[in-house]
PDB file of N, CA and C in Angstrom:
ATOM      1  N   MET A   1       0.655  -1.050  -0.123  1.00  0.00           N
ATOM      2  CA  MET A   1      -0.013   0.176  -0.089  1.00  0.00           C
ATOM      3  C   MET A   1       1.030   1.280  -0.069  1.00  0.00           C
ATOM      4  N   ARG A   2       0.488   2.290  -0.633  1.00  0.00           N
ATOM      5  CA  ARG A   2       1.312   3.301  -0.715  1.00  0.00           C
ATOM      6  C   ARG A   2       0.215   4.755  -0.745  1.00  0.00           C
ATOM      7  N   LYS A   3       1.073   5.502  -0.443  1.00  0.00           N
ATOM      8  CA  LYS A   3       0.335   6.871  -0.438  1.00  0.00           C
ATOM      9  C   LYS A   3       0.118   7.820  -1.613  1.00  0.00           C
ATOM     10  N   TYR A   4      -0.634   8.145  -1.899  1.00  0.00           N
ATOM     11  CA  TYR A   4      -0.909   9.120  -3.244  1.00  0.00           C
ATOM     12  C   TYR A   4      -1.736  10.487  -3.131  1.00  0.00           C
ATOM     13  N   GLU A   5      -1.487  11.139  -3.899  1.00  0.00           N
ATOM     14  CA  GLU A   5      -2.109  12.557  -3.812  1.00  0.00           C
ATOM     15  C   GLU A   5      -2.737  12.776  -4.964  1.00  0.00           C
ATOM     16  N   LEU A   6      -4.239  13.010  -4.943  1.00  0.00           N
ATOM     17  CA  LEU A   6      -4.998  13.253  -6.282  1.00  0.00           C
ATOM     18  C   LEU A   6      -5.497  14.752  -6.208  1.00  0.00           C
ATOM     19  N   ILE A   7      -5.532  15.283  -7.347  1.00  0.00           N
ATOM     20  CA  ILE A   7      -5.906  16.830  -7.647  1.00  0.00           C
ATOM     21  C   ILE A   7      -6.781  16.912  -8.737  1.00  0.00           C
ATOM     22  N   TRP A   8      -7.743  17.301  -8.621  1.00  0.00           N
ATOM     23  CA  TRP A   8      -8.791  17.281 -10.023  1.00  0.00           C
ATOM     24  C   TRP A   8      -9.498  18.423 -10.034  1.00  0.00           C
ATOM     25  N   ILE A   9     -10.009  18.835 -11.158  1.00  0.00           N
ATOM     26  CA  ILE A   9     -10.428  19.872 -11.531  1.00  0.00           C
ATOM     27  C   ILE A   9     -12.028  19.967 -12.033  1.00  0.00           C
ATOM     28  N   LEU A  10     -12.983  20.536 -11.352  1.00  0.00           N
ATOM     29  CA  LEU A  10     -14.311  20.370 -12.046  1.00  0.00           C
ATOM     30  C   LEU A  10     -14.489  21.345 -13.097  1.00  0.00           C
ATOM     31  N   GLY A  11     -15.621  21.570 -14.197  1.00  0.00           N
ATOM     32  CA  GLY A  11     -15.723  22.760 -14.909  1.00  0.00           C
ATOM     33  C   GLY A  11     -16.439  24.099 -14.196  1.00  0.00           C
ATOM     34  N   SER A  12     -16.081  25.069 -14.861  1.00  0.00           N
ATOM     35  CA  SER A  12     -16.375  26.368 -14.161  1.00  0.00           C
ATOM     36  C   SER A  12     -17.963  26.514 -13.904  1.00  0.00           C
ATOM     37  N   ASP A  13     -18.552  25.539 -14.555  1.00  0.00           N
ATOM     38  CA  ASP A  13     -20.097  25.666 -13.853  1.00  0.00           C
ATOM     39  C   ASP A  13     -20.376  24.898 -12.638  1.00  0.00           C
ATOM     40  N   ALA A  14     -19.066  24.338 -12.040  1.00  0.00           N
ATOM     41  CA  ALA A  14     -19.334  23.413 -10.621  1.00  0.00           C
ATOM     42  C   ALA A  14     -19.470  24.311  -9.521  1.00  0.00           C
ATOM     43  N   ASP A  15     -20.471  24.122  -8.510  1.00  0.00           N
ATOM     44  CA  ASP A  15     -20.515  24.675  -7.509  1.00  0.00           C
ATOM     45  C   ASP A  15     -19.953  23.942  -6.224  1.00  0.00           C
ATOM     46  N   GLU A  16     -20.343  24.400  -4.993  1.00  0.00           N
ATOM     47  CA  GLU A  16     -20.013  23.816  -3.890  1.00  0.00           C
ATOM     48  C   GLU A  16     -20.508  22.326  -3.649  1.00  0.00           C
ATOM     49  N   GLU A  17     -21.912  22.461  -4.128  1.00  0.00           N
ATOM     50  CA  GLU A  17     -22.359  20.962  -4.044  1.00  0.00           C
ATOM     51  C   GLU A  17     -22.084  20.286  -5.094  1.00  0.00           C
ATOM     52  N   GLN A  18     -21.707  20.565  -6.252  1.00  0.00           N
ATOM     53  CA  GLN A  18     -21.254  19.502  -7.054  1.00  0.00           C
ATOM     54  C   GLN A  18     -19.690  19.104  -6.332  1.00  0.00           C
ATOM     55  N   GLY A  19     -19.135  19.979  -6.109  1.00  0.00           N
ATOM     56  CA  GLY A  19     -17.815  19.766  -5.372  1.00  0.00           C
ATOM     57  C   GLY A  19     -17.833  18.772  -4.274  1.00  0.00           C
ATOM     58  N   THR A  20     -18.893  18.892  -3.441  1.00  0.00           N
ATOM     59  CA  THR A  20     -18.898  17.699  -2.337  1.00  0.00           C
ATOM     60  C   THR A  20     -19.527  16.407  -2.827  1.00  0.00           C
ATOM     61  N   GLU A  21     -20.324  16.497  -3.935  1.00  0.00           N
ATOM     62  CA  GLU A  21     -20.457  15.069  -4.686  1.00  0.00           C
ATOM     63  C   GLU A  21     -19.472  14.453  -5.145  1.00  0.00           C
ATOM     64  N   SER A  22     -18.429  15.408  -5.859  1.00  0.00           N
ATOM     65  CA  SER A  22     -17.447  14.642  -6.816  1.00  0.00           C
ATOM     66  C   SER A  22     -16.415  14.235  -5.553  1.00  0.00           C
ATOM     67  N   VAL A  23     -16.060  14.807  -4.316  1.00  0.00           N
ATOM     68  CA  VAL A  23     -15.380  14.300  -3.398  1.00  0.00           C
ATOM     69  C   VAL A  23     -15.960  13.016  -2.792  1.00  0.00           C
ATOM     70  N   GLU A  24     -17.385  12.771  -2.598  1.00  0.00           N
ATOM     71  CA  GLU A  24     -17.799  11.856  -2.082  1.00  0.00           C
ATOM     72  C   GLU A  24     -17.640  10.599  -3.055  1.00  0.00           C
ATOM     73  N   LYS A  25     -17.852  10.833  -4.225  1.00  0.00           N
ATOM     74  CA  LYS A  25     -17.740  10.084  -5.552  1.00  0.00           C
ATOM     75  C   LYS A  25     -16.101   9.454  -5.709  1.00  0.00           C
ATOM     76  N   ILE A  26     -14.907  10.425  -5.443  1.00  0.00           N
ATOM     77  CA  ILE A  26     -13.854   9.909  -5.156  1.00  0.00           C
ATOM     78  C   ILE A  26     -13.616   9.242  -4.039  1.00  0.00           C
ATOM     79  N   THR A  27     -14.089   9.382  -2.906  1.00  0.00           N
ATOM     80  CA  THR A  27     -13.904   8.567  -1.826  1.00  0.00           C
ATOM     81  C   THR A  27     -14.417   7.304  -1.843  1.00  0.00           C
ATOM     82  N   SER A  28     -15.597   6.815  -2.508  1.00  0.00           N
ATOM     83  CA  SER A  28     -16.443   6.067  -2.646  1.00  0.00           C
ATOM     84  C   SER A  28     -15.493   4.923  -3.936  1.00  0.00           C
ATOM     85  N   LEU A  29     -14.926   5.642  -5.047  1.00  0.00           N
ATOM     86  CA  LEU A  29     -14.067   4.942  -5.727  1.00  0.00           C
ATOM     87  C   LEU A  29     -12.996   4.340  -4.896  1.00  0.00           C
ATOM     88  N   VAL A  30     -12.184   5.327  -4.409  1.00  0.00           N
ATOM     89  CA  VAL A  30     -11.048   4.424  -3.476  1.00  0.00           C
ATOM     90  C   VAL A  30     -11.238   3.416  -2.494  1.00  0.00           C
ATOM     91  N   SER A  31     -12.587   3.944  -2.037  1.00  0.00           N
ATOM     92  CA  SER A  31     -12.657   2.542  -0.943  1.00  0.00           C
ATOM     93  C   SER A  31     -13.311   1.431  -1.644  1.00  0.00           C
ATOM     94  N   GLY A  32     -13.808   1.605  -2.951  1.00  0.00           N
ATOM     95  CA  GLY A  32     -14.220   0.266  -3.864  1.00  0.00           C
ATOM     96  C   GLY A  32     -13.128  -0.463  -4.319  1.00  0.00           C
ATOM     97  N   VAL A  33     -11.818   0.215  -4.613  1.00  0.00           N
ATOM     98  CA  VAL A  33     -10.861  -0.477  -4.888  1.00  0.00           C
ATOM     99  C   VAL A  33      -9.765  -0.989  -3.756  1.00  0.00           C
ATOM    100  N   GLY A  34     -10.333  -0.975  -2.366  1.00  0.00           N
ATOM    101  CA  GLY A  34      -9.826  -1.468  -1.579  1.00  0.00           C
ATOM    102  C   GLY A  34      -8.525  -0.124  -0.782  1.00  0.00           C
ATOM    103  N   GLY A  35      -8.765   0.883  -0.736  1.00  0.00           N
ATOM    104  CA  GLY A  35      -8.050   2.001  -0.593  1.00  0.00           C
ATOM    105  C   GLY A  35      -8.611   2.592   0.874  1.00  0.00           C
ATOM    106  N   GLU A  36      -8.058   3.790   1.406  1.00  0.00           N
ATOM    107  CA  GLU A  36      -8.632   4.656   2.365  1.00  0.00           C
ATOM    108  C   GLU A  36      -8.151   5.989   2.282  1.00  0.00           C
ATOM    109  N   VAL A  37      -9.064   6.685   2.027  1.00  0.00           N
ATOM    110  CA  VAL A  37      -8.728   8.116   2.035  1.00  0.00           C
ATOM    111  C   VAL A  37      -8.558   8.664   3.700  1.00  0.00           C
ATOM    112  N   SER A  38      -7.293   9.658   3.451  1.00  0.00           N
ATOM    113  CA  SER A  38      -7.163  10.170   4.927  1.00  0.00           C
ATOM    114  C   SER A  38      -7.354  11.604   4.744  1.00  0.00           C
ATOM    115  N   SER A  39      -7.339  12.297   3.905  1.00  0.00           N
ATOM    116  CA  SER A  39      -7.744  13.503   3.900  1.00  0.00           C
ATOM    117  C   SER A  39      -8.353  14.067   2.642  1.00  0.00           C
ATOM    118  N   THR A  40      -9.079  15.064   2.570  1.00  0.00           N
ATOM    119  CA  THR A  40      -9.742  15.806   1.537  1.00  0.00           C
ATOM    120  C   THR A  40      -9.695  17.372   1.733  1.00  0.00           C
ATOM    121  N   ASP A  41      -9.755  17.773   0.643  1.00  0.00           N
ATOM    122  CA  ASP A  41      -9.541  19.509   0.539  1.00  0.00           C
ATOM    123  C   ASP A  41     -10.290  20.177  -0.501  1.00  0.00           C
ATOM    124  N   VAL A  42     -11.156  21.225  -0.309  1.00  0.00           N
ATOM    125  CA  VAL A  42     -11.682  21.743  -1.272  1.00  0.00           C
ATOM    126  C   VAL A  42     -11.081  23.126  -1.331  1.00  0.00           C
ATOM    127  N   TRP A  43     -10.424  23.177  -2.750  1.00  0.00           N
ATOM    128  CA  TRP A  43      -9.529  24.578  -2.806  1.00  0.00           C
ATOM    129  C   TRP A  43     -10.414  25.809  -3.208  1.00  0.00           C
ATOM    130  N   GLY A  44     -11.649  25.108  -3.942  1.00  0.00           N
ATOM    131  CA  GLY A  44     -12.681  26.379  -4.684  1.00  0.00           C
ATOM    132  C   GLY A  44     -12.243  26.599  -5.886  1.00  0.00           C
ATOM    133  N   LYS A  45     -13.021  27.998  -6.294  1.00  0.00           N
ATOM    134  CA  LYS A  45     -13.013  27.925  -8.034  1.00  0.00           C
ATOM    135  C   LYS A  45     -11.880  28.727  -8.141  1.00  0.00           C
ATOM    136  N   ARG A  46     -11.291  28.735  -9.100  1.00  0.00           N
ATOM    137  CA  ARG A  46      -9.754  29.513  -9.632  1.00  0.00           C
ATOM    138  C   ARG A  46      -9.942  29.636 -10.918  1.00  0.00           C
ATOM    139  N   THR A  47      -9.150  30.735 -11.273  1.00  0.00           N
ATOM    140  CA  THR A  47      -8.927  30.997 -12.579  1.00  0.00           C
ATOM    141  C   THR A  47      -7.491  30.149 -13.189  1.00  0.00           C
ATOM    142  N   LEU A  48      -8.196  29.608 -14.490  1.00  0.00           N
ATOM    143  CA  LEU A  48      -7.026  28.568 -15.224  1.00  0.00           C
ATOM    144  C   LEU A  48      -6.145  29.487 -15.918  1.00  0.00           C
ATOM    145  N   ALA A  49      -4.771  28.529 -16.084  1.00  0.00           N
ATOM    146  CA  ALA A  49      -3.585  29.453 -16.629  1.00  0.00           C
ATOM    147  C   ALA A  49      -4.264  29.470 -18.198  1.00  0.00           C
ATOM    148  N   TYR A  50      -4.645  28.750 -18.434  1.00  0.00           N
ATOM    149  CA  TYR A  50      -5.263  28.529 -19.806  1.00  0.00           C
ATOM    150  C   TYR A  50      -6.404  27.766 -19.714  1.00  0.00           C
ATOM    151  N   SER A  51      -7.217  27.969 -21.000  1.00  0.00           N
ATOM    152  CA  SER A  51      -8.611  27.382 -21.282  1.00  0.00           C
ATOM    153  C   SER A  51      -8.370  25.825 -21.360  1.00  0.00           C
ATOM    154  N   ILE A  52      -9.386  25.245 -20.676  1.00  0.00           N
ATOM    155  CA  ILE A  52      -9.415  23.672 -20.643  1.00  0.00           C
ATOM    156  C   ILE A  52     -10.485  23.374 -21.302  1.00  0.00           C
ATOM    157  N   GLN A  53     -10.932  23.112 -22.034  1.00  0.00           N
ATOM    158  CA  GLN A  53     -12.363  22.359 -22.587  1.00  0.00           C
ATOM    159  C   GLN A  53     -13.554  23.643 -22.510  1.00  0.00           C
ATOM    160  N   LYS A  54     -12.741  24.690 -23.179  1.00  0.00           N
ATOM    161  CA  LYS A  54     -13.733  25.736 -23.218  1.00  0.00           C
ATOM    162  C   LYS A  54     -14.147  26.481 -21.797  1.00  0.00           C
ATOM    163  N   ASN A  55     -13.249  26.297 -20.802  1.00  0.00           N
ATOM    164  CA  ASN A  55     -13.499  26.582 -19.441  1.00  0.00           C
ATOM    165  C   ASN A  55     -12.118  27.434 -18.998  1.00  0.00           C
ATOM    166  N   THR A  56     -12.527  28.679 -18.482  1.00  0.00           N
ATOM    167  CA  THR A  56     -11.581  29.807 -17.859  1.00  0.00           C
ATOM    168  C   THR A  56     -11.252  29.834 -16.613  1.00  0.00           C
ATOM    169  N   GLU A  57     -12.381  29.042 -15.716  1.00  0.00           N
ATOM    170  CA  GLU A  57     -12.097  28.681 -14.267  1.00  0.00           C
ATOM    171  C   GLU A  57     -12.420  27.516 -14.249  1.00  0.00           C
ATOM    172  N   GLY A  58     -11.999  26.876 -13.132  1.00  0.00           N
ATOM    173  CA  GLY A  58     -12.200  25.551 -12.566  1.00  0.00           C
ATOM    174  C   GLY A  58     -12.226  25.315 -10.868  1.00  0.00           C
ATOM    175  N   TYR A  59     -12.927  24.321 -10.476  1.00  0.00           N
ATOM    176  CA  TYR A  59     -13.604  24.373  -9.264  1.00  0.00           C
ATOM    177  C   TYR A  59     -12.497  22.995  -8.481  1.00  0.00           C
ATOM    178  N   TYR A  60     -11.522  23.679  -8.133  1.00  0.00           N
ATOM    179  CA  TYR A  60     -10.163  22.667  -7.873  1.00  0.00           C
ATOM    180  C   TYR A  60     -10.667  21.666  -6.300  1.00  0.00           C
ATOM    181  N   LEU A  61     -10.393  20.378  -6.316  1.00  0.00           N
ATOM    182  CA  LEU A  61     -10.237  19.608  -5.188  1.00  0.00           C
ATOM    183  C   LEU A  61      -9.187  18.766  -5.074  1.00  0.00           C
ATOM    184  N   GLN A  62      -8.955  18.327  -3.754  1.00  0.00           N
ATOM    185  CA  GLN A  62      -7.508  17.457  -3.541  1.00  0.00           C
ATOM    186  C   GLN A  62      -7.984  16.674  -2.491  1.00  0.00           C
ATOM    187  N   ALA A  63      -7.191  15.136  -2.615  1.00  0.00           N
ATOM    188  CA  ALA A  63      -7.605  14.331  -1.592  1.00  0.00           C
ATOM    189  C   ALA A  63      -6.309  13.134  -1.297  1.00  0.00           C
ATOM    190  N   ASN A  64      -6.082  12.975  -0.095  1.00  0.00           N
ATOM    191  CA  ASN A  64      -4.840  11.915  -0.038  1.00  0.00           C
ATOM    192  C   ASN A  64      -5.603  10.753   0.387  1.00  0.00           C
ATOM    193  N   PHE A  65      -4.654   9.580  -0.071  1.00  0.00           N
ATOM    194  CA  PHE A  65      -5.105   8.170   0.302  1.00  0.00           C
ATOM    195  C   PHE A  65      -4.331   7.343   0.202  1.00  0.00           C
ATOM    196  N   VAL A  66      -4.151   6.162   0.629  1.00  0.00           N
ATOM    197  CA  VAL A  66      -3.607   4.773   0.855  1.00  0.00           C
ATOM    198  C   VAL A  66      -4.254   3.873  -0.289  1.00  0.00           C
ATOM    199  N   ILE A  67      -3.376   3.323  -1.289  1.00  0.00           N
ATOM    200  CA  ILE A  67      -3.846   2.156  -1.863  1.00  0.00           C
ATOM    201  C   ILE A  67      -2.805   1.376  -2.933  1.00  0.00           C
ATOM    202  N   ASP A  68      -3.074   0.085  -3.137  1.00  0.00           N
ATOM    203  CA  ASP A  68      -2.314  -0.237  -3.787  1.00  0.00           C
ATOM    204  C   ASP A  68      -1.829   0.221  -4.998  1.00  0.00           C
ATOM    205  N   GLY A  69      -0.704  -0.066  -5.753  1.00  0.00           N
ATOM    206  CA  GLY A  69       0.097   0.545  -6.884  1.00  0.00           C
ATOM    207  C   GLY A  69      -0.842  -0.060  -8.201  1.00  0.00           C
ATOM    208  N   VAL A  70      -1.161  -1.178  -8.354  1.00  0.00           N
ATOM    209  CA  VAL A  70      -2.218  -1.819  -9.164  1.00  0.00           C
ATOM    210  C   VAL A  70      -3.495  -1.429  -9.094  1.00  0.00           C
ATOM    211  N   LYS A  71      -4.076  -1.043  -7.993  1.00  0.00           N
ATOM    212  CA  LYS A  71      -5.330  -0.478  -8.003  1.00  0.00           C
ATOM    213  C   LYS A  71      -5.519   0.910  -8.352  1.00  0.00           C
ATOM    214  N   ALA A  72      -4.326   1.554  -8.135  1.00  0.00           N
ATOM    215  CA  ALA A  72      -3.988   3.134  -8.529  1.00  0.00           C
ATOM    216  C   ALA A  72      -4.640   3.365 -10.043  1.00  0.00           C
ATOM    217  N   GLN A  73      -4.263   2.178 -10.873  1.00  0.00           N
ATOM    218  CA  GLN A  73      -4.459   2.273 -12.162  1.00  0.00           C
ATOM    219  C   GLN A  73      -5.853   2.212 -12.482  1.00  0.00           C
ATOM    220  N   GLU A  74      -6.550   1.464 -11.862  1.00  0.00           N
ATOM    221  CA  GLU A  74      -8.019   1.318 -11.861  1.00  0.00           C
ATOM    222  C   GLU A  74      -8.553   2.652 -11.614  1.00  0.00           C
ATOM    223  N   LEU A  75      -8.055   3.090 -10.216  1.00  0.00           N
ATOM    224  CA  LEU A  75      -8.701   4.403 -10.222  1.00  0.00           C
ATOM    225  C   LEU A  75      -8.612   5.333 -11.063  1.00  0.00           C
ATOM    226  N   GLU A  76      -7.569   5.518 -11.611  1.00  0.00           N
ATOM    227  CA  GLU A  76      -7.379   6.567 -12.728  1.00  0.00           C
ATOM    228  C   GLU A  76      -7.995   6.288 -14.043  1.00  0.00           C
ATOM    229  N   ARG A  77      -8.385   5.016 -14.373  1.00  0.00           N
ATOM    230  CA  ARG A  77      -9.285   4.748 -15.469  1.00  0.00           C
ATOM    231  C   ARG A  77     -10.782   5.323 -15.078  1.00  0.00           C
ATOM    232  N   ALA A  78     -11.167   5.069 -13.708  1.00  0.00           N
ATOM    233  CA  ALA A  78     -12.489   5.529 -13.513  1.00  0.00           C
ATOM    234  C   ALA A  78     -12.498   6.952 -13.401  1.00  0.00           C
ATOM    235  N   ILE A  79     -11.249   7.514 -13.348  1.00  0.00           N
ATOM    236  CA  ILE A  79     -11.310   9.343 -12.923  1.00  0.00           C
ATOM    237  C   ILE A  79     -11.655   9.693 -14.495  1.00  0.00           C
ATOM    238  N   ASP A  80     -10.696   9.190 -15.211  1.00  0.00           N
ATOM    239  CA  ASP A  80     -10.930   9.143 -16.811  1.00  0.00           C
ATOM    240  C   ASP A  80     -12.154   9.238 -17.424  1.00  0.00           C
ATOM    241  N   ALA A  81     -12.916   8.405 -17.099  1.00  0.00           N
ATOM    242  CA  ALA A  81     -14.465   8.131 -17.460  1.00  0.00           C
ATOM    243  C   ALA A  81     -15.255   9.282 -16.913  1.00  0.00           C
ATOM    244  N   ASP A  82     -15.055   9.754 -15.925  1.00  0.00           N
ATOM    245  CA  ASP A  82     -15.836  10.612 -15.302  1.00  0.00           C
ATOM    246  C   ASP A  82     -16.062  11.935 -16.111  1.00  0.00           C
ATOM    247  N   GLN A  83     -16.904  12.563 -16.731  1.00  0.00           N
ATOM    248  CA  GLN A  83     -17.439  13.474 -17.890  1.00  0.00           C
ATOM    249  C   GLN A  83     -16.985  14.727 -16.874  1.00  0.00           C
ATOM    250  N   SER A  84     -17.539  14.901 -15.611  1.00  0.00           N
ATOM    251  CA  SER A  84     -17.505  16.377 -14.769  1.00  0.00           C
ATOM    252  C   SER A  84     -16.134  16.667 -14.726  1.00  0.00           C
ATOM    253  N   ILE A  85     -15.042  16.069 -14.666  1.00  0.00           N
ATOM    254  CA  ILE A  85     -13.519  16.247 -14.179  1.00  0.00           C
ATOM    255  C   ILE A  85     -12.918  16.602 -15.536  1.00  0.00           C
ATOM    256  N   ILE A  86     -12.703  17.844 -15.750  1.00  0.00           N
ATOM    257  CA  ILE A  86     -11.786  18.402 -16.850  1.00  0.00           C
ATOM    258  C   ILE A  86     -10.218  18.040 -16.925  1.00  0.00           C
ATOM    259  N   ARG A  87      -9.663  17.869 -15.712  1.00  0.00           N
ATOM    260  CA  ARG A  87      -8.262  17.833 -15.693  1.00  0.00           C
ATOM    261  C   ARG A  87      -8.201  16.991 -14.460  1.00  0.00           C
ATOM    262  N   HIS A  88      -7.115  16.148 -14.030  1.00  0.00           N
ATOM    263  CA  HIS A  88      -6.706  15.555 -12.747  1.00  0.00           C
ATOM    264  C   HIS A  88      -5.118  15.395 -13.015  1.00  0.00           C
ATOM    265  N   LEU A  89      -4.845  15.035 -11.603  1.00  0.00           N
ATOM    266  CA  LEU A  89      -3.125  14.580 -11.579  1.00  0.00           C
ATOM    267  C   LEU A  89      -3.026  13.571 -10.189  1.00  0.00           C
ATOM    268  N   LEU A  90      -2.651  12.528 -10.435  1.00  0.00           N
ATOM    269  CA  LEU A  90      -2.870  11.599  -9.619  1.00  0.00           C
ATOM    270  C   LEU A  90      -0.960  11.435  -9.205  1.00  0.00           C
ATOM    271  N   VAL A  91      -0.323  11.408  -8.077  1.00  0.00           N
ATOM    272  CA  VAL A  91       0.914  11.054  -8.036  1.00  0.00           C
ATOM    273  C   VAL A  91       1.173  10.694  -6.557  1.00  0.00           C
ATOM    274  N   ARG A  92       2.271   9.931  -6.820  1.00  0.00           N
ATOM    275  CA  ARG A  92       2.792   9.072  -5.670  1.00  0.00           C
ATOM    276  C   ARG A  92       3.393   9.810  -4.376  1.00  0.00           C
ATOM    277  N   ASP A  93       2.914   9.822  -2.935  1.00  0.00           N
ATOM    278  CA  ASP A  93       3.666  10.670  -2.166  1.00  0.00           C
ATOM    279  C   ASP A  93       4.942   9.933  -1.760  1.00  0.00           C
ATOM    280  N   THR A  94       5.908  10.924  -2.035  1.00  0.00           N
ATOM    281  CA  THR A  94       7.446  10.132  -1.724  1.00  0.00           C
ATOM    282  C   THR A  94       8.165  10.798  -0.535  1.00  0.00           C
ATOM    283  N   ILE A  95       7.723  11.708  -0.208  1.00  0.00           N
ATOM    284  CA  ILE A  95       8.445  12.218   1.239  1.00  0.00           C
ATOM    285  C   ILE A  95       8.243  11.677   2.093  1.00  0.00           C
ATOM    286  N   LYS A  96       9.381  11.397   2.819  1.00  0.00           N
ATOM    287  CA  LYS A  96       9.368  10.671   4.050  1.00  0.00           C
ATOM    288  C   LYS A  96       9.710  11.282   5.298  1.00  0.00           C
ATOM    289  N   PRO A  97       8.944  11.119   6.414  1.00  0.00           N
ATOM    290  CA  PRO A  97       9.028  11.889   7.530  1.00  0.00           C
ATOM    291  C   PRO A  97      10.594  12.389   8.185  1.00  0.00           C
ATOM    292  N   GLY A  98      11.622  11.400   8.107  1.00  0.00           N
ATOM    293  CA  GLY A  98      12.682  11.875   8.405  1.00  0.00           C
ATOM    294  C   GLY A  98      13.342  12.858   7.692  1.00  0.00           C
ATOM    295  N   VAL A  99      12.855  13.035   6.383  1.00  0.00           N
ATOM    296  CA  VAL A  99      13.708  14.178   5.611  1.00  0.00           C
ATOM    297  C   VAL A  99      12.740  15.703   5.796  1.00  0.00           C
ATOM    298  N   ILE A 100      11.831  15.494   6.254  1.00  0.00           N
ATOM    299  CA  ILE A 100      11.182  16.578   6.720  1.00  0.00           C
ATOM    300  C   ILE A 100      11.817  17.263   7.807  1.00  0.00           C
ATOM    301  N   LYS A 101      12.090  16.236   8.923  1.00  0.00           N
ATOM    302  CA  LYS A 101      12.663  16.564  10.101  1.00  0.00           C
ATOM    303  C   LYS A 101      14.125  17.151  10.143  1.00  0.00           C
ATOM    304  N   GLU A 102      14.679  16.401   9.043  1.00  0.00           N
ATOM    305  CA  GLU A 102      16.204  16.921   8.885  1.00  0.00           C
ATOM    306  C   GLU A 102      16.232  18.165   8.243  1.00  0.00           C
ATOM    307  N   ALA A 103      15.283  18.536   7.457  1.00  0.00           N
ATOM    308  CA  ALA A 103      15.397  19.909   6.533  1.00  0.00           C
ATOM    309  C   ALA A 103      14.824  20.980   7.653  1.00  0.00           C
ATOM    310  N   ALA A 104      14.153  20.506   8.466  1.00  0.00           N
ATOM    311  CA  ALA A 104      13.753  21.696   9.238  1.00  0.00           C
ATOM    312  C   ALA A 104      14.799  22.061  10.507  1.00  0.00           C
ATOM    313  N   GLU A 105      15.652  21.149  10.913  1.00  0.00           N
ATOM    314  CA  GLU A 105      16.651  21.325  11.874  1.00  0.00           C
ATOM    315  C   GLU A 105      18.131  22.265  11.049  1.00  0.00           C
TER     316      GLU A 105
END
């Protein structure tokens, strides 16, 4: 099991209610493939650096979770199939606790 971070963007027509529904959907997808969500965050509506599918603004959301590497590919395919998500980025969290402590000193 590895730690992952997912950031995804909904279209400019999304509101807080659709953001909450999207977080619940991602949480259920992660749980459905055997993972566990540790935290979620709603960043809200922000201006995009460039237009994506004719959207100049996007509703940003973020989630951290633990999941098996093979299952992460299944999760990404499910996210790709979701038409409400205009862009997403799934990355493996590689920061080790000792590295942060050493950098602070």
